[in-house]
Protein backbone atom coordinates (compact mmCIF):
# COMPACT_ATOMS: atom_id res chain seq x y z
CA MET A 1 72.42 50.41 145.47
CA LYS A 2 68.59 50.44 145.45
CA GLN A 3 68.83 53.83 143.57
CA MET A 4 71.12 52.46 141.21
CA LYS A 5 69.01 49.54 140.58
CA HIS A 6 65.86 51.71 139.88
CA ASN A 7 67.88 53.94 137.67
CA MET A 8 69.54 51.25 135.77
CA VAL A 9 65.81 49.33 135.49
CA GLY A 10 64.31 52.83 134.09
CA LYS A 11 67.39 53.32 131.59
CA TRP A 12 67.66 50.03 130.45
CA ILE A 13 64.41 48.45 130.35
CA TRP A 14 64.60 48.12 126.51
CA VAL A 15 67.35 45.48 126.85
CA MET A 16 65.68 42.10 125.80
CA PHE A 17 66.63 38.94 127.33
CA LEU A 18 68.85 37.09 124.77
CA PRO A 19 67.02 33.84 123.85
CA PHE A 20 68.62 30.61 124.91
CA TYR A 21 69.06 29.01 121.76
CA PHE A 22 72.32 30.92 121.32
CA PHE A 23 74.03 29.26 124.42
CA THR A 24 74.82 25.64 125.35
CA PHE A 25 75.76 24.15 128.35
CA LEU A 26 79.17 23.64 129.30
CA PRO A 27 81.36 22.53 132.66
CA LEU A 28 81.90 25.14 135.13
CA THR A 29 85.68 25.04 134.36
CA VAL A 30 85.22 26.65 130.71
CA SER A 31 85.24 29.95 131.89
CA ALA A 32 87.46 31.23 135.28
CA GLN A 33 85.54 34.31 135.10
CA TYR A 34 82.42 32.87 136.36
CA ASP A 35 84.17 30.83 139.15
CA ILE A 36 81.98 32.33 142.04
CA ILE A 37 80.71 31.19 145.52
CA PRO A 38 78.28 29.90 146.07
CA ARG A 39 78.40 27.83 142.93
CA PRO A 40 75.56 28.70 140.74
CA SER A 41 72.98 25.87 139.57
CA SER A 42 73.96 26.17 135.91
CA ILE A 43 76.24 28.03 133.55
CA SER A 44 75.62 28.01 130.05
CA ILE A 45 78.28 29.52 128.21
CA ASP A 46 78.05 30.68 124.42
CA ALA A 47 79.16 27.81 121.96
CA LYS A 48 80.44 30.39 119.43
CA GLY A 49 82.68 31.49 122.10
CA ARG A 50 81.77 35.23 121.68
CA VAL A 51 82.80 37.60 124.42
CA LEU A 52 81.52 40.93 125.84
CA SER A 53 84.23 43.65 126.01
CA MET A 54 84.63 45.16 129.22
CA GLN A 55 86.48 48.40 127.84
CA PRO A 56 84.43 50.58 127.70
CA SER A 57 82.25 49.56 130.61
CA PRO A 58 78.86 47.70 129.09
CA ALA A 59 75.41 48.38 130.46
CA VAL A 60 74.17 46.76 133.56
CA THR A 61 70.39 46.12 133.40
CA GLU A 62 68.53 45.02 136.45
CA ARG A 63 65.08 44.08 135.99
CA LEU A 64 62.10 41.59 137.60
CA ASN A 65 61.26 38.46 135.54
CA PRO A 66 58.52 36.23 136.89
CA LYS A 67 60.07 33.42 134.90
CA VAL A 68 62.62 33.15 137.67
CA THR A 69 60.89 30.69 139.76
CA SER A 70 62.78 30.90 143.08
CA PRO A 71 61.89 33.95 145.09
CA GLU A 72 65.71 34.60 145.90
CA GLY A 73 66.79 33.12 142.69
CA TRP A 74 68.74 34.90 140.11
CA ARG A 75 69.77 34.82 136.67
CA ILE A 76 72.58 36.72 134.96
CA THR A 77 72.78 36.90 131.17
CA VAL A 78 75.95 38.45 129.33
CA ASP A 79 75.58 39.19 125.52
CA LYS A 80 76.22 41.78 123.18
CA LYS A 81 73.84 44.18 124.84
CA GLY A 82 75.60 44.09 128.22
CA ILE A 83 75.07 42.22 131.21
CA THR A 84 71.43 41.57 132.82
CA ILE A 85 70.60 40.82 136.00
CA GLU A 86 66.86 39.10 136.65
CA GLY A 87 64.76 38.01 139.68
CA SER A 88 61.55 37.72 140.48
CA THR A 89 62.01 39.66 143.45
CA ASP A 90 64.21 42.48 144.50
CA ALA A 91 65.85 40.15 146.82
CA GLY A 92 66.72 37.65 143.82
CA ILE A 93 68.25 40.77 141.97
CA PHE A 94 70.26 41.81 145.07
CA TYR A 95 71.91 38.40 145.39
CA GLY A 96 72.67 38.40 141.61
CA ARG A 97 74.32 41.79 142.22
CA GLN A 98 76.37 40.16 144.94
CA ALA A 99 77.51 37.40 142.42
CA LEU A 100 78.38 39.73 139.76
CA SER A 101 80.36 41.71 142.17
CA GLN A 102 82.58 38.67 142.57
CA VAL A 103 83.12 38.42 138.75
CA LEU A 104 84.07 41.82 138.45
CA SER A 105 86.31 42.34 141.33
CA ALA A 106 88.98 40.45 139.09
CA GLN A 107 88.75 43.35 136.54
CA PRO A 108 87.93 41.22 133.54
CA GLN A 109 89.01 42.61 130.08
CA SER A 110 85.86 40.47 128.55
CA LEU A 111 83.48 38.12 129.66
CA PRO A 112 82.21 35.22 127.65
CA TYR A 113 78.78 35.50 126.66
CA ALA A 114 76.74 33.19 129.14
CA VAL A 115 73.73 32.68 131.30
CA ILE A 116 74.28 31.91 134.96
CA GLU A 117 71.52 30.81 137.16
CA SER A 118 71.30 30.28 140.82
CA ALA A 119 68.78 29.68 143.71
CA PRO A 120 69.14 28.97 147.39
CA ARG A 121 68.73 25.36 148.86
CA PHE A 122 67.58 26.75 152.14
CA SER A 123 65.21 29.74 153.04
CA TYR A 124 66.95 30.30 155.97
CA ARG A 125 70.47 31.37 155.77
CA ALA A 126 72.18 32.86 158.66
CA MET A 127 75.26 33.98 160.73
CA HIS A 128 74.95 34.85 164.41
CA LEU A 129 76.81 37.48 166.38
CA ASP A 130 77.27 37.94 169.99
CA VAL A 131 77.94 41.39 171.23
CA CYS A 132 77.41 40.37 175.18
CA ARG A 133 80.79 38.88 176.03
CA HIS A 134 82.65 41.56 174.13
CA PHE A 135 81.02 44.62 172.59
CA PHE A 136 81.22 45.48 168.76
CA GLY A 137 79.40 48.48 167.98
CA LYS A 138 77.11 50.05 165.32
CA ASP A 139 79.89 50.28 162.65
CA PHE A 140 81.04 46.68 162.85
CA VAL A 141 77.75 45.38 163.03
CA LYS A 142 76.99 46.96 159.61
CA GLN A 143 80.12 45.63 158.35
CA TYR A 144 79.25 42.39 159.46
CA ILE A 145 75.73 42.99 157.54
CA ASP A 146 77.89 43.56 154.57
CA MET A 147 79.71 40.38 154.84
CA LEU A 148 76.36 38.41 155.21
CA ALA A 149 75.19 40.14 152.04
CA LEU A 150 78.25 39.29 150.08
CA HIS A 151 77.53 35.71 150.87
CA GLY A 152 73.91 35.58 150.01
CA MET A 153 72.85 35.23 153.55
CA ASN A 154 69.48 36.74 154.54
CA THR A 155 69.48 36.50 158.38
CA LEU A 156 71.28 37.96 161.31
CA HIS A 157 70.88 36.24 164.54
CA TRP A 158 71.74 39.22 166.89
CA HIS A 159 72.51 37.99 170.52
CA LEU A 160 71.91 41.07 172.73
CA SER A 161 71.74 39.74 176.24
CA ASP A 162 73.56 37.58 178.39
CA ASP A 163 75.44 37.34 181.89
CA GLN A 164 78.42 39.41 180.97
CA GLY A 165 76.39 42.37 179.37
CA TRP A 166 72.96 43.57 178.41
CA ARG A 167 73.33 45.29 175.03
CA ILE A 168 69.79 46.76 174.17
CA GLU A 169 68.02 49.84 175.47
CA ILE A 170 64.81 49.10 177.06
CA LYS A 171 63.00 52.48 178.26
CA LYS A 172 60.60 50.78 180.69
CA TRP A 173 63.61 49.05 182.45
CA PRO A 174 66.55 51.72 182.10
CA ARG A 175 68.78 49.92 184.76
CA LEU A 176 69.36 47.16 182.19
CA THR A 177 71.57 49.44 180.21
CA GLU A 178 72.74 51.92 183.18
CA VAL A 179 73.94 48.88 185.29
CA GLY A 180 73.87 45.88 183.30
CA SER A 181 75.68 47.02 180.08
CA VAL A 182 78.98 47.26 182.19
CA ARG A 183 80.76 44.76 184.10
CA ASN A 184 83.78 46.03 186.12
CA ARG A 185 86.41 43.41 185.14
CA THR A 186 86.90 40.43 182.62
CA VAL A 187 88.50 37.16 183.51
CA ILE A 188 91.93 36.64 181.93
CA GLY A 189 92.14 33.24 180.08
CA ARG A 190 89.80 30.25 180.53
CA ASN A 191 88.18 31.23 183.93
CA THR A 192 91.95 31.21 185.65
CA GLY A 193 90.39 33.27 188.71
CA LEU A 194 92.57 36.31 187.41
CA TYR A 195 91.05 39.58 186.20
CA ASP A 196 91.91 42.63 184.61
CA TYR A 197 90.03 45.22 186.54
CA VAL A 198 89.32 47.08 183.22
CA PRO A 199 85.48 47.97 182.84
CA HIS A 200 84.08 46.80 179.89
CA GLY A 201 80.71 47.76 178.40
CA GLY A 202 78.36 49.34 175.78
CA TYR A 203 74.99 49.13 174.36
CA PHE A 204 72.67 50.29 171.36
CA THR A 205 70.29 52.83 171.94
CA GLN A 206 66.88 52.36 170.17
CA ASP A 207 67.76 54.59 167.60
CA ASP A 208 70.87 52.92 166.95
CA ILE A 209 68.92 49.71 166.31
CA ARG A 210 66.71 51.14 163.99
CA GLU A 211 69.35 52.59 162.03
CA ILE A 212 71.00 49.00 161.73
CA VAL A 213 67.63 47.17 161.14
CA ALA A 214 67.19 49.78 158.32
CA TYR A 215 70.57 49.11 156.99
CA ALA A 216 70.08 45.44 156.90
CA GLN A 217 66.67 45.62 155.17
CA GLU A 218 68.40 47.56 152.42
CA ARG A 219 70.41 44.25 151.94
CA HIS A 220 67.41 42.07 152.37
CA ILE A 221 68.59 40.84 155.68
CA THR A 222 66.41 40.05 158.66
CA ILE A 223 67.56 40.65 161.84
CA ILE A 224 66.40 38.08 164.61
CA PRO A 225 67.29 39.55 168.14
CA GLU A 226 67.74 36.99 170.97
CA ILE A 227 66.85 38.01 174.75
CA ASP A 228 68.24 34.95 176.46
CA MET A 229 66.12 33.65 179.17
CA PRO A 230 65.36 32.39 181.91
CA GLY A 231 69.07 31.54 182.35
CA HIS A 232 72.00 33.63 181.21
CA MET A 233 70.51 36.66 183.06
CA LEU A 234 73.00 37.98 185.57
CA ALA A 235 73.17 41.25 183.91
CA ALA A 236 69.54 41.75 184.14
CA LEU A 237 69.74 40.60 187.94
CA ALA A 238 72.48 43.05 188.61
CA ALA A 239 70.08 45.77 187.39
CA TYR A 240 67.00 44.29 189.22
CA PRO A 241 67.94 41.79 192.01
CA GLU A 242 64.46 41.31 192.98
CA LEU A 243 63.93 39.38 189.60
CA GLY A 244 65.98 36.68 191.17
CA CYS A 245 65.20 33.74 193.49
CA THR A 246 67.56 35.02 196.29
CA GLY A 247 67.57 38.80 195.93
CA GLY A 248 71.03 38.96 195.46
CA PRO A 249 73.44 40.63 195.50
CA TYR A 250 74.36 39.93 191.88
CA GLU A 251 77.00 41.46 189.56
CA VAL A 252 77.43 41.58 185.75
CA CYS A 253 79.52 38.35 185.20
CA PRO A 254 83.07 38.54 184.84
CA ASP A 255 83.58 35.14 184.03
CA TRP A 256 82.40 32.50 181.17
CA GLY A 257 80.23 29.72 181.57
CA VAL A 258 76.97 28.71 183.12
CA PHE A 259 75.78 29.96 186.30
CA ASP A 260 73.04 29.01 188.91
CA ASP A 261 71.23 32.45 189.41
CA VAL A 262 68.58 32.77 186.91
CA LEU A 263 65.12 34.60 186.60
CA CYS A 264 62.70 33.53 189.19
CA ALA A 265 59.86 31.41 187.69
CA GLY A 266 57.70 32.00 190.70
CA ASN A 267 57.94 35.76 190.83
CA PRO A 268 55.04 37.23 188.79
CA LYS A 269 56.87 40.34 188.39
CA VAL A 270 59.26 38.31 186.07
CA LEU A 271 56.82 37.68 183.58
CA GLN A 272 55.66 41.45 183.42
CA PHE A 273 59.52 42.26 183.09
CA LEU A 274 59.47 39.71 180.04
CA GLU A 275 56.42 41.08 178.51
CA ASP A 276 57.83 44.63 178.87
CA VAL A 277 61.05 43.85 177.35
CA MET A 278 59.48 41.81 174.44
CA ASP A 279 56.89 44.71 173.76
CA GLU A 280 59.93 47.11 173.10
CA VAL A 281 62.09 44.46 171.46
CA ILE A 282 59.30 43.79 168.75
CA SER A 283 58.54 47.68 168.19
CA LEU A 284 62.34 47.61 167.11
CA PHE A 285 62.71 44.39 164.96
CA PRO A 286 59.91 43.72 162.23
CA SER A 287 60.90 39.89 162.11
CA THR A 288 58.38 37.34 162.25
CA TYR A 289 60.61 35.67 164.89
CA VAL A 290 62.32 36.49 168.13
CA HIS A 291 64.84 34.29 169.75
CA MET A 292 64.19 33.45 173.21
CA GLY A 293 67.49 31.38 174.01
CA GLY A 294 66.13 29.11 176.64
CA ASP A 295 69.72 27.01 176.81
CA GLU A 296 71.76 26.17 179.92
CA CYS A 297 69.20 27.18 182.59
CA PRO A 298 70.12 25.48 185.84
CA ARG A 299 67.38 24.39 188.08
CA VAL A 300 69.36 24.80 191.53
CA ARG A 301 67.76 27.95 192.67
CA TRP A 302 64.20 27.04 191.57
CA GLU A 303 64.66 23.79 193.61
CA GLN A 304 65.24 25.95 196.64
CA CYS A 305 62.95 28.76 196.00
CA PRO A 306 59.52 28.86 197.84
CA LYS A 307 58.04 31.03 195.50
CA CYS A 308 58.96 28.51 192.38
CA GLN A 309 57.75 25.53 194.28
CA GLN A 310 54.39 26.96 195.17
CA LEU A 311 53.89 27.92 191.37
CA MET A 312 54.95 24.23 190.47
CA ARG A 313 52.09 23.10 192.95
CA SER A 314 49.49 25.61 191.73
CA GLN A 315 50.04 24.87 188.04
CA GLN A 316 50.40 21.00 188.53
CA LEU A 317 53.72 21.17 186.90
CA SER A 318 55.70 17.69 187.58
CA SER A 319 59.45 19.15 187.56
CA GLU A 320 61.45 22.28 187.24
CA ASP A 321 61.74 21.38 183.45
CA ALA A 322 58.17 21.71 183.09
CA LEU A 323 58.51 25.05 185.07
CA GLN A 324 60.79 26.44 182.56
CA GLY A 325 58.35 25.16 179.81
CA TYR A 326 55.56 27.10 181.58
CA MET A 327 57.55 30.35 181.43
CA MET A 328 58.42 29.78 177.84
CA ARG A 329 54.93 28.81 176.86
CA HIS A 330 53.73 32.11 178.42
CA ILE A 331 56.02 34.34 176.39
CA GLU A 332 55.30 32.04 173.28
CA LYS A 333 51.57 32.74 173.72
CA TYR A 334 52.33 36.62 174.50
CA LEU A 335 54.29 36.93 171.25
CA ALA A 336 51.88 34.77 169.20
CA ALA A 337 49.05 37.06 170.13
CA LYS A 338 51.02 39.99 168.53
CA GLY A 339 51.82 38.17 165.23
CA ARG A 340 54.96 36.87 166.31
CA HIS A 341 56.77 33.35 166.96
CA ILE A 342 59.74 32.26 168.67
CA ILE A 343 63.03 30.39 168.14
CA GLY A 344 64.82 28.78 170.99
CA TRP A 345 68.06 26.33 171.60
CA ASP A 346 67.28 23.05 171.45
CA GLU A 347 66.60 22.46 175.10
CA ILE A 348 63.34 24.08 175.09
CA ALA A 349 61.99 21.19 172.98
CA GLU A 350 62.25 19.10 176.00
CA CYS A 351 59.96 21.71 177.97
CA GLY A 352 56.58 20.97 176.08
CA VAL A 353 56.53 24.16 173.93
CA ASP A 354 54.23 24.34 170.93
CA SER A 355 55.14 22.81 167.78
CA SER A 356 55.06 26.42 166.15
CA VAL A 357 58.39 27.13 168.12
CA VAL A 358 61.49 26.80 165.99
CA ILE A 359 64.17 24.82 167.44
CA MET A 360 68.05 25.89 166.80
CA SER A 361 69.78 22.44 167.22
CA TRP A 362 73.07 23.44 168.76
CA ARG A 363 74.19 20.24 170.80
CA GLY A 364 74.49 18.17 167.63
CA VAL A 365 71.90 17.34 164.83
CA GLU A 366 69.98 14.67 166.70
CA GLY A 367 67.95 17.09 168.75
CA GLY A 368 67.05 18.81 165.62
CA VAL A 369 65.86 15.61 164.05
CA GLU A 370 63.87 14.76 167.09
CA ALA A 371 62.30 18.04 167.01
CA ALA A 372 61.41 17.93 163.44
CA LYS A 373 59.48 14.83 164.07
CA LYS A 374 57.41 16.42 166.55
CA GLY A 375 56.55 18.89 163.84
CA HIS A 376 58.90 21.98 164.69
CA ASP A 377 60.95 23.55 161.99
CA VAL A 378 64.48 23.34 162.73
CA ILE A 379 67.81 25.40 162.08
CA MET A 380 70.84 23.31 162.22
CA VAL A 381 73.62 24.77 164.29
CA PRO A 382 75.84 22.06 165.63
CA THR A 383 79.10 22.96 167.65
CA SER A 384 80.92 20.25 165.74
CA VAL A 385 80.71 22.23 162.52
CA CYS A 386 78.83 25.57 162.98
CA TYR A 387 80.73 27.27 165.87
CA PHE A 388 82.99 29.61 164.21
CA ASP A 389 84.48 30.77 167.65
CA TYR A 390 86.30 27.46 167.60
CA TYR A 391 89.74 27.08 166.11
CA GLN A 392 89.94 26.47 162.25
CA GLN A 393 93.55 25.08 162.31
CA PRO A 394 94.99 21.99 163.82
CA GLU A 395 95.63 21.61 167.56
CA GLU A 396 99.40 22.37 167.33
CA ASN A 397 98.68 25.81 166.22
CA TRP A 398 96.25 26.64 169.07
CA SER A 399 98.48 28.71 171.04
CA LYS A 400 97.76 31.87 168.64
CA PRO A 401 95.19 33.14 168.40
CA PHE A 402 94.03 32.34 172.16
CA LEU A 403 90.32 30.83 171.60
CA ILE A 404 87.81 28.72 173.30
CA GLY A 405 88.98 25.30 172.05
CA GLY A 406 87.40 22.92 169.53
CA TYR A 407 88.29 22.30 165.89
CA VAL A 408 86.13 23.26 162.85
CA PRO A 409 88.38 23.42 159.80
CA LEU A 410 87.17 24.91 156.61
CA GLU A 411 86.62 21.66 154.82
CA LYS A 412 84.20 20.42 157.50
CA VAL A 413 82.02 23.25 157.14
CA TYR A 414 81.98 22.83 153.60
CA ALA A 415 81.07 18.91 154.13
CA PHE A 416 78.26 19.73 156.33
CA ASP A 417 74.69 18.73 154.90
CA PRO A 418 71.93 19.96 157.38
CA ALA A 419 69.41 17.65 155.92
CA PRO A 420 70.86 14.63 154.34
CA ASP A 421 68.85 12.02 152.27
CA SER A 422 69.55 9.46 154.88
CA LEU A 423 66.66 11.36 157.01
CA SER A 424 63.08 10.67 155.89
CA ALA A 425 61.16 13.28 153.59
CA ASP A 426 58.95 14.46 156.65
CA VAL A 427 61.93 15.37 158.81
CA ARG A 428 64.06 16.98 155.98
CA ARG A 429 60.96 19.23 155.03
CA HIS A 430 61.23 20.70 158.45
CA ILE A 431 64.92 21.83 158.32
CA ILE A 432 64.74 25.18 157.06
CA GLY A 433 68.15 26.09 157.14
CA THR A 434 71.57 26.52 159.04
CA GLN A 435 73.79 29.18 160.36
CA ALA A 436 77.09 29.57 162.13
CA ASN A 437 77.72 30.98 165.53
CA ILE A 438 80.34 33.33 166.61
CA TRP A 439 80.59 33.56 170.36
CA THR A 440 82.79 36.49 171.61
CA GLU A 441 84.29 35.31 174.96
CA TYR A 442 87.72 35.04 173.37
CA ILE A 443 87.28 37.52 170.52
CA PRO A 444 87.55 40.98 171.98
CA TYR A 445 88.41 42.79 168.60
CA LYS A 446 86.93 43.14 165.18
CA GLU A 447 90.33 41.77 163.28
CA LEU A 448 89.70 38.47 165.09
CA LEU A 449 86.29 38.15 164.44
CA GLU A 450 86.77 38.63 160.87
CA TYR A 451 89.72 36.08 161.02
CA GLN A 452 87.29 33.71 162.67
CA ALA A 453 84.61 34.36 160.27
CA LEU A 454 86.30 34.16 156.99
CA PRO A 455 86.52 32.19 154.84
CA ARG A 456 84.37 29.85 156.75
CA MET A 457 81.46 31.86 155.80
CA ALA A 458 82.06 31.48 152.03
CA ALA A 459 82.01 27.50 153.01
CA LEU A 460 78.76 27.91 154.81
CA CYS A 461 77.00 29.67 152.06
CA GLU A 462 77.55 27.11 149.59
CA VAL A 463 76.04 24.71 152.05
CA GLN A 464 73.08 27.12 152.16
CA TRP A 465 72.81 27.64 148.37
CA THR A 466 74.07 24.78 146.62
CA ALA A 467 72.71 21.11 146.04
CA PRO A 468 74.66 18.43 147.55
CA GLU A 469 75.51 16.86 144.49
CA GLN A 470 77.00 20.03 143.21
CA LYS A 471 79.43 20.44 145.71
CA ASP A 472 83.11 19.63 145.28
CA TYR A 473 85.69 20.95 147.99
CA ASP A 474 88.77 21.19 145.41
CA ASP A 475 86.53 23.08 143.14
CA PHE A 476 85.48 25.40 145.86
CA LEU A 477 89.11 25.96 146.57
CA ARG A 478 89.58 26.85 143.03
CA ARG A 479 86.87 29.29 143.04
CA LEU A 480 87.73 30.78 146.28
CA PRO A 481 90.22 33.30 145.34
CA LEU A 482 87.66 35.81 143.63
CA LEU A 483 85.84 36.29 147.03
CA LEU A 484 89.49 36.41 148.85
CA ASN A 485 90.43 39.44 146.34
CA ILE A 486 87.17 41.10 147.70
CA TYR A 487 88.24 40.50 151.17
CA ASP A 488 91.33 42.02 150.53
CA GLN A 489 89.93 44.95 148.54
CA LYS A 490 87.61 45.62 151.51
CA GLY A 491 90.32 45.22 154.25
CA TRP A 492 88.72 42.33 155.91
CA ARG A 493 91.19 39.64 157.76
CA TYR A 494 90.87 35.88 156.97
CA CYS A 495 92.46 32.81 157.78
CA LYS A 496 94.71 31.48 154.71
CA VAL A 497 93.48 28.20 153.50
CA SER A 498 96.87 26.81 153.71
CA GLY A 499 96.69 27.19 157.58
CA ASP A 500 99.23 29.99 157.83
CA ARG A 501 97.97 33.03 159.24
């Protein structure tokens, strides 16, 4: 696609932008051909009713234009000379190309002369992917990146370590993948005590990750890796039991949930382990941010561990909460010295971390609001709206597919406002965006993951791009078929809006 862009720019640089006085603003309903998602900021249709014939195929020009003020915004002009996509950056042109792909997917015979413009509301627009509970390989991760690109998203939050599997090669600590990437059985159902006794595993080599990162960069997507700590570390403890408070034995966890065994905060080797892991992670991912997790870390082992209690006394830490803060601040400073910053789940805002840490608010929006008041940038991901592993159909249909529970229908996603006017301006300016999470405890195969993501991803992308006053759910449903047409062309499974599978 990048090569096509450069060829087109070189070939069609002479195409001049059609002056705006040929156009007048008309409502979006004037032309169904431009019923795209996310809804553009403006669509101006030619008042004279002129159209561009699509037979033979018209010229498509892509070019940089500094007059497109938003760094990721775009402008598409349709006139007698063809179709022109403009942006002030390559990213803006890329998003314009995605918008045009929706228009062309319907194979129109003609297009009205028009100027269509759009710019995103939020700078951080993401989806999350958990490959720890069930492993999804390189080809699917690339497909997932394509799904994000189609929806104008610019970030993939990639969850790479958890109790049930360690998924990234760390050369200095090879047992993380030799041992930690495979569990010997998986619980059946919701922690029933019954198991399938089928080994499940997989991991990404560092070469795999470089390939995936490059693939994402070509699509203007930043990958933010997550290495969860100090909890959710049973896979690492199974590989290196000396990193735990009790010394084990541990196993790669076959169950779902939160577990008492975590990294030993009082063991100096743990901080060295984390530094070594971070060194290799940041060598692979050029993103400014690294996600450190920090959620759901029980204090039970620390309360009983002589090493942890000794560290608390020596550092004058008043509680085990402060002990987690001590660990998080150490890694925060270590990464800051290397030009990186951390993101963490909202629990870490309670541990005394620096205001430079970005807070990902998952237990509701309230934690994010409080963090913003303290000066943290915030990403809103409340479970009630942004957990796409939840059902998207009413409870009477929860027998299939079998999922974790919870109900997040399409309309609820669409109605979400991460930064409503009811918040003060000082709080709103710290809310940099939103994402949806897909945890895979109950999502073992790609077709189900696609089904859980789509079309809720379409509703979320309109939240990320479109001003609240321009949103309208009925109009969104009217525009949705263009995207569904692309899903069909690509063979992606999705939930029907009617609720029928």
